[in-house]
């Protein structure tokens, strides 16, 4: 109970009209909350865009989300800086009494928590709850799509890294009714080809054609390869914890 009260007090104290947003998913959530005008500036992404691109490309930049320009942030005098878990060098902001809201965005649960947090600090609590309910209903639509099938999600091929537990890719697999074959303790473990062959997944998801080419010599022994169930997806659409992940999953579901 004390932890809940403390969390509520923190959110009340963070009530904000002016935001610098380093986490891309938070930008997209704020747009869904109709709180886009609260954003003073965002961080750049190097390999993807942030929805809605026609609006986000017009926002001032404070550098990249991994290495933001601290001086620019200080000049903007935001009420709150919403950080990415990959953001570095933010300690100096505390010297200027700039509040920081740390965002974790590695699961559906954290996605919903983030919507609620942003709804709280922008006075859009009711809207946030509507978005959360829509998200939950959207996820339910996928549950029986590939029930009892097994899947593997390749993060990279050299070395071979899979998505295992406690991440968005794993939540996507489970939402489709599939079982993730990666049963190792790490979130993104390095595995060998024998491990993949022994698991023999029904579906294989991947990001880059280059990855698939490198490991295709042994993937041909899997059910996924034999049944042409090798499915390419976009990393920013599946690994970004924003409500738009539902739209991206609907596109992905067409290939199942």
C-alpha atoms as a PDB file:
ATOM      1  CA  UNK A   1       0.000   0.000   0.000  1.00  0.00           C
ATOM      2  CA  UNK A   2       2.839   2.377   0.877  1.00  0.00           C
ATOM      3  CA  UNK A   3       4.459   1.742  -2.516  1.00  0.00           C
ATOM      4  CA  UNK A   4       1.187   2.580  -4.322  1.00  0.00           C
ATOM      5  CA  UNK A   5       0.772   5.815  -2.374  1.00  0.00           C
ATOM      6  CA  UNK A   6       4.391   6.768  -3.057  1.00  0.00           C
ATOM      7  CA  UNK A   7       3.922   6.153  -6.795  1.00  0.00           C
ATOM      8  CA  UNK A   8       0.804   8.333  -6.826  1.00  0.00           C
ATOM      9  CA  UNK A   9       2.611  11.115  -4.981  1.00  0.00           C
ATOM     10  CA  UNK A  10       5.470  11.000  -7.474  1.00  0.00           C
ATOM     11  CA  UNK A  11       3.065  11.263 -10.409  1.00  0.00           C
ATOM     12  CA  UNK A  12       1.206  14.161  -8.789  1.00  0.00           C
ATOM     13  CA  UNK A  13       4.495  15.964  -8.290  1.00  0.00           C
ATOM     14  CA  UNK A  14       5.396  15.352 -11.922  1.00  0.00           C
ATOM     15  CA  UNK A  15       2.282  17.043 -13.295  1.00  0.00           C
ATOM     16  CA  UNK A  16       3.684  18.645 -16.415  1.00  0.00           C
ATOM     17  CA  UNK A  17       2.816  20.848 -19.340  1.00  0.00           C
ATOM     18  CA  UNK A  18       6.276  21.033 -20.924  1.00  0.00           C
ATOM     19  CA  UNK A  19       8.033  17.811 -21.825  1.00  0.00           C
ATOM     20  CA  UNK A  20      11.287  16.791 -23.441  1.00  0.00           C
ATOM     21  CA  UNK A  21      10.808  13.232 -24.646  1.00  0.00           C
ATOM     22  CA  UNK A  22      13.803  10.982 -25.286  1.00  0.00           C
ATOM     23  CA  UNK A  23      11.848   7.718 -25.511  1.00  0.00           C
ATOM     24  CA  UNK A  24      10.250   7.232 -28.991  1.00  0.00           C
ATOM     25  CA  UNK A  25       7.352   5.147 -27.666  1.00  0.00           C
ATOM     26  CA  UNK A  26       6.427   7.962 -25.254  1.00  0.00           C
ATOM     27  CA  UNK A  27       6.111  10.393 -28.178  1.00  0.00           C
ATOM     28  CA  UNK A  28       3.640   8.052 -29.860  1.00  0.00           C
ATOM     29  CA  UNK A  29       1.695   7.568 -26.619  1.00  0.00           C
ATOM     30  CA  UNK A  30       1.448  11.341 -26.110  1.00  0.00           C
ATOM     31  CA  UNK A  31       0.032  11.670 -29.623  1.00  0.00           C
ATOM     32  CA  UNK A  32      -2.643   9.073 -28.832  1.00  0.00           C
ATOM     33  CA  UNK A  33      -3.418  10.973 -25.609  1.00  0.00           C
ATOM     34  CA  UNK A  34      -3.958  14.209 -27.576  1.00  0.00           C
ATOM     35  CA  UNK A  35      -1.071  15.654 -25.561  1.00  0.00           C
ATOM     36  CA  UNK A  36       1.259  16.230 -28.482  1.00  0.00           C
ATOM     37  CA  UNK A  37       1.369  19.969 -27.790  1.00  0.00           C
ATOM     38  CA  UNK A  38       3.019  19.268 -24.456  1.00  0.00           C
ATOM     39  CA  UNK A  39       6.209  18.207 -26.240  1.00  0.00           C
ATOM     40  CA  UNK A  40       8.990  20.814 -26.391  1.00  0.00           C
ATOM     41  CA  UNK A  41      11.502  18.548 -28.132  1.00  0.00           C
ATOM     42  CA  UNK A  42      12.307  14.914 -28.833  1.00  0.00           C
ATOM     43  CA  UNK A  43      15.386  12.785 -29.452  1.00  0.00           C
ATOM     44  CA  UNK A  44      16.362  11.566 -32.892  1.00  0.00           C
ATOM     45  CA  UNK A  45      16.209   7.936 -33.941  1.00  0.00           C
ATOM     46  CA  UNK A  46      18.869   6.839 -36.405  1.00  0.00           C
ATOM     47  CA  UNK A  47      17.249   3.818 -38.060  1.00  0.00           C
ATOM     48  CA  UNK A  48      13.504   4.487 -37.838  1.00  0.00           C
ATOM     49  CA  UNK A  49      10.833   7.171 -37.734  1.00  0.00           C
ATOM     50  CA  UNK A  50       8.455   8.193 -34.963  1.00  0.00           C
ATOM     51  CA  UNK A  51       4.721   8.316 -35.649  1.00  0.00           C
ATOM     52  CA  UNK A  52       3.194  10.612 -36.827  1.00  0.00           C
ATOM     53  CA  UNK A  53       6.249  11.405 -38.923  1.00  0.00           C
ATOM     54  CA  UNK A  54       4.750  14.515 -40.556  1.00  0.00           C
ATOM     55  CA  UNK A  55       4.478  16.069 -37.085  1.00  0.00           C
ATOM     56  CA  UNK A  56       7.448  14.584 -35.247  1.00  0.00           C
ATOM     57  CA  UNK A  57       9.908  15.640 -37.944  1.00  0.00           C
ATOM     58  CA  UNK A  58       8.966  19.256 -37.221  1.00  0.00           C
ATOM     59  CA  UNK A  59       9.752  19.048 -33.509  1.00  0.00           C
ATOM     60  CA  UNK A  60      13.073  20.422 -32.196  1.00  0.00           C
ATOM     61  CA  UNK A  61      15.744  17.819 -31.548  1.00  0.00           C
ATOM     62  CA  UNK A  62      17.897  17.371 -28.456  1.00  0.00           C
ATOM     63  CA  UNK A  63      20.268  14.882 -30.042  1.00  0.00           C
ATOM     64  CA  UNK A  64      19.901  11.106 -30.032  1.00  0.00           C
ATOM     65  CA  UNK A  65      17.997   9.171 -27.420  1.00  0.00           C
ATOM     66  CA  UNK A  66      21.188   7.393 -26.313  1.00  0.00           C
ATOM     67  CA  UNK A  67      23.299  10.551 -26.067  1.00  0.00           C
ATOM     68  CA  UNK A  68      21.015  13.572 -25.701  1.00  0.00           C
ATOM     69  CA  UNK A  69      22.338  17.137 -25.722  1.00  0.00           C
ATOM     70  CA  UNK A  70      22.064  18.085 -22.050  1.00  0.00           C
ATOM     71  CA  UNK A  71      22.720  21.787 -22.670  1.00  0.00           C
ATOM     72  CA  UNK A  72      19.821  22.005 -25.127  1.00  0.00           C
ATOM     73  CA  UNK A  73      17.508  20.295 -22.663  1.00  0.00           C
ATOM     74  CA  UNK A  74      18.475  22.748 -19.919  1.00  0.00           C
ATOM     75  CA  UNK A  75      17.849  25.717 -22.250  1.00  0.00           C
ATOM     76  CA  UNK A  76      14.305  24.468 -22.959  1.00  0.00           C
ATOM     77  CA  UNK A  77      13.451  24.420 -19.223  1.00  0.00           C
ATOM     78  CA  UNK A  78      11.056  21.459 -19.350  1.00  0.00           C
ATOM     79  CA  UNK A  79       8.893  20.413 -16.422  1.00  0.00           C
ATOM     80  CA  UNK A  80       9.877  16.798 -17.018  1.00  0.00           C
ATOM     81  CA  UNK A  81      12.302  14.841 -19.190  1.00  0.00           C
ATOM     82  CA  UNK A  82      10.993  11.419 -20.199  1.00  0.00           C
ATOM     83  CA  UNK A  83      14.035   9.237 -20.635  1.00  0.00           C
ATOM     84  CA  UNK A  84      14.766   6.141 -22.639  1.00  0.00           C
ATOM     85  CA  UNK A  85      16.343   3.241 -20.764  1.00  0.00           C
ATOM     86  CA  UNK A  86      19.279   3.724 -23.137  1.00  0.00           C
ATOM     87  CA  UNK A  87      19.740   7.448 -22.399  1.00  0.00           C
ATOM     88  CA  UNK A  88      23.123   8.427 -20.943  1.00  0.00           C
ATOM     89  CA  UNK A  89      24.539  11.446 -19.100  1.00  0.00           C
ATOM     90  CA  UNK A  90      21.334  12.771 -17.545  1.00  0.00           C
ATOM     91  CA  UNK A  91      22.721  13.279 -14.025  1.00  0.00           C
ATOM     92  CA  UNK A  92      23.457  16.964 -14.688  1.00  0.00           C
ATOM     93  CA  UNK A  93      19.740  17.708 -15.112  1.00  0.00           C
ATOM     94  CA  UNK A  94      19.225  17.202 -11.394  1.00  0.00           C
ATOM     95  CA  UNK A  95      21.510  20.194 -10.718  1.00  0.00           C
ATOM     96  CA  UNK A  96      18.949  22.353 -12.527  1.00  0.00           C
ATOM     97  CA  UNK A  97      15.982  20.810 -10.690  1.00  0.00           C
ATOM     98  CA  UNK A  98      14.687  19.233 -13.887  1.00  0.00           C
ATOM     99  CA  UNK A  99      12.548  16.220 -13.062  1.00  0.00           C
ATOM    100  CA  UNK A 100      13.185  12.917 -14.795  1.00  0.00           C
ATOM    101  CA  UNK A 101      10.656  10.195 -15.553  1.00  0.00           C
ATOM    102  CA  UNK A 102      12.411   6.932 -16.384  1.00  0.00           C
ATOM    103  CA  UNK A 103      10.627   4.814 -18.960  1.00  0.00           C
ATOM    104  CA  UNK A 104      10.920   1.053 -19.178  1.00  0.00           C
ATOM    105  CA  UNK A 105       9.378  -0.289 -22.366  1.00  0.00           C
ATOM    106  CA  UNK A 106      10.137  -4.005 -22.599  1.00  0.00           C
ATOM    107  CA  UNK A 107       6.709  -5.616 -22.235  1.00  0.00           C
ATOM    108  CA  UNK A 108       2.983  -5.155 -22.742  1.00  0.00           C
ATOM    109  CA  UNK A 109       2.659  -4.609 -19.001  1.00  0.00           C
ATOM    110  CA  UNK A 110       5.202  -1.777 -19.069  1.00  0.00           C
ATOM    111  CA  UNK A 111       3.496  -0.331 -22.145  1.00  0.00           C
ATOM    112  CA  UNK A 112       0.211  -0.066 -20.231  1.00  0.00           C
ATOM    113  CA  UNK A 113       1.999   1.379 -17.194  1.00  0.00           C
ATOM    114  CA  UNK A 114       3.596   4.021 -19.404  1.00  0.00           C
ATOM    115  CA  UNK A 115       0.247   5.031 -20.910  1.00  0.00           C
ATOM    116  CA  UNK A 116      -1.147   5.434 -17.394  1.00  0.00           C
ATOM    117  CA  UNK A 117       1.888   7.471 -16.246  1.00  0.00           C
ATOM    118  CA  UNK A 118       1.666   9.864 -19.180  1.00  0.00           C
ATOM    119  CA  UNK A 119      -2.080  10.186 -18.770  1.00  0.00           C
ATOM    120  CA  UNK A 120      -1.463  11.139 -15.146  1.00  0.00           C
ATOM    121  CA  UNK A 121       1.143  13.838 -15.736  1.00  0.00           C
ATOM    122  CA  UNK A 122      -0.732  15.408 -18.683  1.00  0.00           C
ATOM    123  CA  UNK A 123      -4.153  15.324 -16.986  1.00  0.00           C
ATOM    124  CA  UNK A 124      -5.495  12.765 -19.462  1.00  0.00           C
ATOM    125  CA  UNK A 125      -6.189   9.905 -17.054  1.00  0.00           C
ATOM    126  CA  UNK A 126      -9.564   8.987 -18.578  1.00  0.00           C
ATOM    127  CA  UNK A 127      -8.148   9.036 -22.090  1.00  0.00           C
ATOM    128  CA  UNK A 128      -5.248   6.865 -20.935  1.00  0.00           C
ATOM    129  CA  UNK A 129      -7.630   4.266 -19.528  1.00  0.00           C
ATOM    130  CA  UNK A 130      -9.551   4.217 -22.814  1.00  0.00           C
ATOM    131  CA  UNK A 131      -6.326   3.558 -24.735  1.00  0.00           C
ATOM    132  CA  UNK A 132      -5.317   0.792 -22.313  1.00  0.00           C
ATOM    133  CA  UNK A 133      -8.709  -0.922 -22.697  1.00  0.00           C
ATOM    134  CA  UNK A 134      -8.511  -0.680 -26.494  1.00  0.00           C
ATOM    135  CA  UNK A 135      -5.025  -2.172 -26.365  1.00  0.00           C
ATOM    136  CA  UNK A 136      -6.156  -5.084 -24.190  1.00  0.00           C
ATOM    137  CA  UNK A 137      -9.099  -5.813 -26.487  1.00  0.00           C
ATOM    138  CA  UNK A 138      -6.814  -5.640 -29.516  1.00  0.00           C
ATOM    139  CA  UNK A 139      -4.411  -8.174 -28.029  1.00  0.00           C
ATOM    140  CA  UNK A 140      -7.262 -10.604 -27.303  1.00  0.00           C
ATOM    141  CA  UNK A 141      -8.131 -10.742 -31.011  1.00  0.00           C
ATOM    142  CA  UNK A 142      -4.831 -12.519 -31.751  1.00  0.00           C
ATOM    143  CA  UNK A 143      -4.923 -15.216 -29.057  1.00  0.00           C
ATOM    144  CA  UNK A 144      -6.084 -18.160 -31.161  1.00  0.00           C
ATOM    145  CA  UNK A 145      -4.411 -17.149 -34.397  1.00  0.00           C
ATOM    146  CA  UNK A 146      -1.562 -19.662 -34.164  1.00  0.00           C
ATOM    147  CA  UNK A 147      -2.523 -21.646 -31.100  1.00  0.00           C
ATOM    148  CA  UNK A 148      -0.219 -24.504 -30.103  1.00  0.00           C
ATOM    149  CA  UNK A 149       2.417 -23.491 -32.645  1.00  0.00           C
ATOM    150  CA  UNK A 150       6.034 -22.854 -31.658  1.00  0.00           C
ATOM    151  CA  UNK A 151       8.088 -19.857 -32.691  1.00  0.00           C
ATOM    152  CA  UNK A 152      11.555 -18.382 -32.582  1.00  0.00           C
ATOM    153  CA  UNK A 153      12.488 -14.715 -32.924  1.00  0.00           C
ATOM    154  CA  UNK A 154      15.967 -13.938 -34.256  1.00  0.00           C
ATOM    155  CA  UNK A 155      17.567 -10.752 -32.970  1.00  0.00           C
ATOM    156  CA  UNK A 156      20.820 -11.182 -34.892  1.00  0.00           C
ATOM    157  CA  UNK A 157      22.753 -13.908 -36.690  1.00  0.00           C
ATOM    158  CA  UNK A 158      26.422 -13.279 -35.952  1.00  0.00           C
ATOM    159  CA  UNK A 159      26.453 -14.431 -33.215  1.00  0.00           C
ATOM    160  CA  UNK A 160      23.003 -16.030 -33.252  1.00  0.00           C
ATOM    161  CA  UNK A 161      20.917 -14.183 -30.670  1.00  0.00           C
ATOM    162  CA  UNK A 162      17.289 -14.968 -29.904  1.00  0.00           C
ATOM    163  CA  UNK A 163      14.610 -13.109 -28.010  1.00  0.00           C
ATOM    164  CA  UNK A 164      13.717 -15.170 -24.980  1.00  0.00           C
ATOM    165  CA  UNK A 165      11.630 -14.045 -21.983  1.00  0.00           C
ATOM    166  CA  UNK A 166      10.736 -10.597 -20.581  1.00  0.00           C
ATOM    167  CA  UNK A 167      10.703  -8.522 -23.764  1.00  0.00           C
ATOM    168  CA  UNK A 168       8.223  -7.210 -26.311  1.00  0.00           C
ATOM    169  CA  UNK A 169       9.129  -9.749 -28.990  1.00  0.00           C
ATOM    170  CA  UNK A 170       8.270 -12.561 -26.581  1.00  0.00           C
ATOM    171  CA  UNK A 171       4.963 -10.884 -25.690  1.00  0.00           C
ATOM    172  CA  UNK A 172       4.111 -10.634 -29.391  1.00  0.00           C
ATOM    173  CA  UNK A 173       4.788 -14.355 -29.880  1.00  0.00           C
ATOM    174  CA  UNK A 174       2.613 -15.257 -26.894  1.00  0.00           C
ATOM    175  CA  UNK A 175      -0.159 -12.899 -28.040  1.00  0.00           C
ATOM    176  CA  UNK A 176      -0.471 -14.923 -31.235  1.00  0.00           C
ATOM    177  CA  UNK A 177      -1.028 -18.038 -29.142  1.00  0.00           C
ATOM    178  CA  UNK A 178       2.431 -19.398 -29.872  1.00  0.00           C
ATOM    179  CA  UNK A 179       5.048 -20.796 -27.542  1.00  0.00           C
ATOM    180  CA  UNK A 180       8.485 -19.207 -27.693  1.00  0.00           C
ATOM    181  CA  UNK A 181      11.024 -22.029 -28.103  1.00  0.00           C
ATOM    182  CA  UNK A 182      13.714 -20.001 -26.358  1.00  0.00           C
ATOM    183  CA  UNK A 183      13.641 -21.375 -22.818  1.00  0.00           C
ATOM    184  CA  UNK A 184      16.947 -19.941 -21.593  1.00  0.00           C
ATOM    185  CA  UNK A 185      17.200 -17.548 -18.649  1.00  0.00           C
ATOM    186  CA  UNK A 186      18.637 -14.549 -20.494  1.00  0.00           C
ATOM    187  CA  UNK A 187      16.377 -12.103 -22.319  1.00  0.00           C
ATOM    188  CA  UNK A 188      18.538 -12.245 -25.449  1.00  0.00           C
ATOM    189  CA  UNK A 189      20.803 -15.294 -25.232  1.00  0.00           C
ATOM    190  CA  UNK A 190      23.470 -16.369 -27.708  1.00  0.00           C
ATOM    191  CA  UNK A 191      22.717 -19.849 -29.063  1.00  0.00           C
ATOM    192  CA  UNK A 192      24.231 -22.288 -31.534  1.00  0.00           C
ATOM    193  CA  UNK A 193      22.658 -23.879 -34.589  1.00  0.00           C
ATOM    194  CA  UNK A 194      22.156 -27.205 -32.794  1.00  0.00           C
ATOM    195  CA  UNK A 195      19.904 -25.472 -30.272  1.00  0.00           C
ATOM    196  CA  UNK A 196      17.644 -24.105 -33.000  1.00  0.00           C
ATOM    197  CA  UNK A 197      17.527 -27.390 -34.914  1.00  0.00           C
ATOM    198  CA  UNK A 198      16.664 -29.284 -31.738  1.00  0.00           C
ATOM    199  CA  UNK A 199      13.787 -26.903 -30.969  1.00  0.00           C
ATOM    200  CA  UNK A 200      12.497 -27.117 -34.576  1.00  0.00           C
ATOM    201  CA  UNK A 201      10.082 -24.131 -34.513  1.00  0.00           C
ATOM    202  CA  UNK A 202       6.922 -23.886 -36.616  1.00  0.00           C
ATOM    203  CA  UNK A 203       7.563 -20.171 -37.257  1.00  0.00           C
ATOM    204  CA  UNK A 204      10.685 -18.037 -37.399  1.00  0.00           C
ATOM    205  CA  UNK A 205      10.503 -14.250 -37.125  1.00  0.00           C
ATOM    206  CA  UNK A 206      13.449 -12.087 -38.138  1.00  0.00           C
ATOM    207  CA  UNK A 207      14.390  -8.481 -38.898  1.00  0.00           C
ATOM    208  CA  UNK A 208      17.079  -8.515 -41.573  1.00  0.00           C
ATOM    209  CA  UNK A 209      17.389 -10.534 -44.780  1.00  0.00           C
ATOM    210  CA  UNK A 210      21.144 -10.627 -44.163  1.00  0.00           C
ATOM    211  CA  UNK A 211      20.587 -12.510 -40.909  1.00  0.00           C
ATOM    212  CA  UNK A 212      18.469 -15.101 -42.628  1.00  0.00           C
ATOM    213  CA  UNK A 213      21.008 -15.570 -45.409  1.00  0.00           C
ATOM    214  CA  UNK A 214      23.839 -16.196 -42.952  1.00  0.00           C
ATOM    215  CA  UNK A 215      22.034 -18.970 -41.090  1.00  0.00           C
ATOM    216  CA  UNK A 216      19.877 -20.415 -43.880  1.00  0.00           C
ATOM    217  CA  UNK A 217      22.231 -23.407 -44.278  1.00  0.00           C
ATOM    218  CA  UNK A 218      20.883 -24.982 -41.097  1.00  0.00           C
ATOM    219  CA  UNK A 219      17.459 -23.321 -40.915  1.00  0.00           C
ATOM    220  CA  UNK A 220      16.453 -25.542 -43.837  1.00  0.00           C
ATOM    221  CA  UNK A 221      16.202 -28.397 -41.328  1.00  0.00           C
ATOM    222  CA  UNK A 222      13.370 -26.676 -39.422  1.00  0.00           C
ATOM    223  CA  UNK A 223       9.616 -26.939 -39.929  1.00  0.00           C
ATOM    224  CA  UNK A 224       9.478 -23.162 -40.345  1.00  0.00           C
ATOM    225  CA  UNK A 225      11.757 -23.282 -43.365  1.00  0.00           C
ATOM    226  CA  UNK A 226      10.087 -26.329 -44.913  1.00  0.00           C
ATOM    227  CA  UNK A 227       6.616 -24.771 -44.592  1.00  0.00           C
ATOM    228  CA  UNK A 228       7.747 -21.314 -45.725  1.00  0.00           C
ATOM    229  CA  UNK A 229       6.946 -19.797 -42.338  1.00  0.00           C
ATOM    230  CA  UNK A 230       9.901 -17.388 -42.223  1.00  0.00           C
ATOM    231  CA  UNK A 231       8.376 -14.021 -41.407  1.00  0.00           C
ATOM    232  CA  UNK A 232      10.184 -10.718 -41.704  1.00  0.00           C
ATOM    233  CA  UNK A 233       9.140  -7.784 -39.566  1.00  0.00           C
ATOM    234  CA  UNK A 234      10.392  -4.321 -38.679  1.00  0.00           C
ATOM    235  CA  UNK A 235      12.283  -3.903 -35.415  1.00  0.00           C
ATOM    236  CA  UNK A 236      10.865  -0.452 -34.596  1.00  0.00           C
ATOM    237  CA  UNK A 237       7.289  -1.646 -35.144  1.00  0.00           C
ATOM    238  CA  UNK A 238       7.604  -4.701 -32.896  1.00  0.00           C
ATOM    239  CA  UNK A 239      10.097  -3.480 -30.292  1.00  0.00           C
ATOM    240  CA  UNK A 240       8.528  -0.059 -29.685  1.00  0.00           C
ATOM    241  CA  UNK A 241       6.110  -0.118 -26.757  1.00  0.00           C
ATOM    242  CA  UNK A 242       3.428   2.196 -28.086  1.00  0.00           C
ATOM    243  CA  UNK A 243      -0.281   1.528 -28.756  1.00  0.00           C
ATOM    244  CA  UNK A 244       0.554   1.305 -32.458  1.00  0.00           C
ATOM    245  CA  UNK A 245       2.064  -2.117 -31.876  1.00  0.00           C
ATOM    246  CA  UNK A 246      -1.485  -3.456 -32.351  1.00  0.00           C
ATOM    247  CA  UNK A 247      -1.579  -2.068 -35.901  1.00  0.00           C
ATOM    248  CA  UNK A 248       1.813  -3.582 -36.635  1.00  0.00           C
ATOM    249  CA  UNK A 249       0.747  -6.937 -35.213  1.00  0.00           C
ATOM    250  CA  UNK A 250      -2.318  -6.944 -37.446  1.00  0.00           C
ATOM    251  CA  UNK A 251      -0.052  -6.580 -40.473  1.00  0.00           C
ATOM    252  CA  UNK A 252       2.170  -9.339 -39.152  1.00  0.00           C
ATOM    253  CA  UNK A 253      -0.792 -11.614 -38.499  1.00  0.00           C
ATOM    254  CA  UNK A 254      -1.647 -11.667 -42.207  1.00  0.00           C
ATOM    255  CA  UNK A 255       1.406 -13.835 -42.774  1.00  0.00           C
ATOM    256  CA  UNK A 256       0.553 -16.428 -40.137  1.00  0.00           C
END
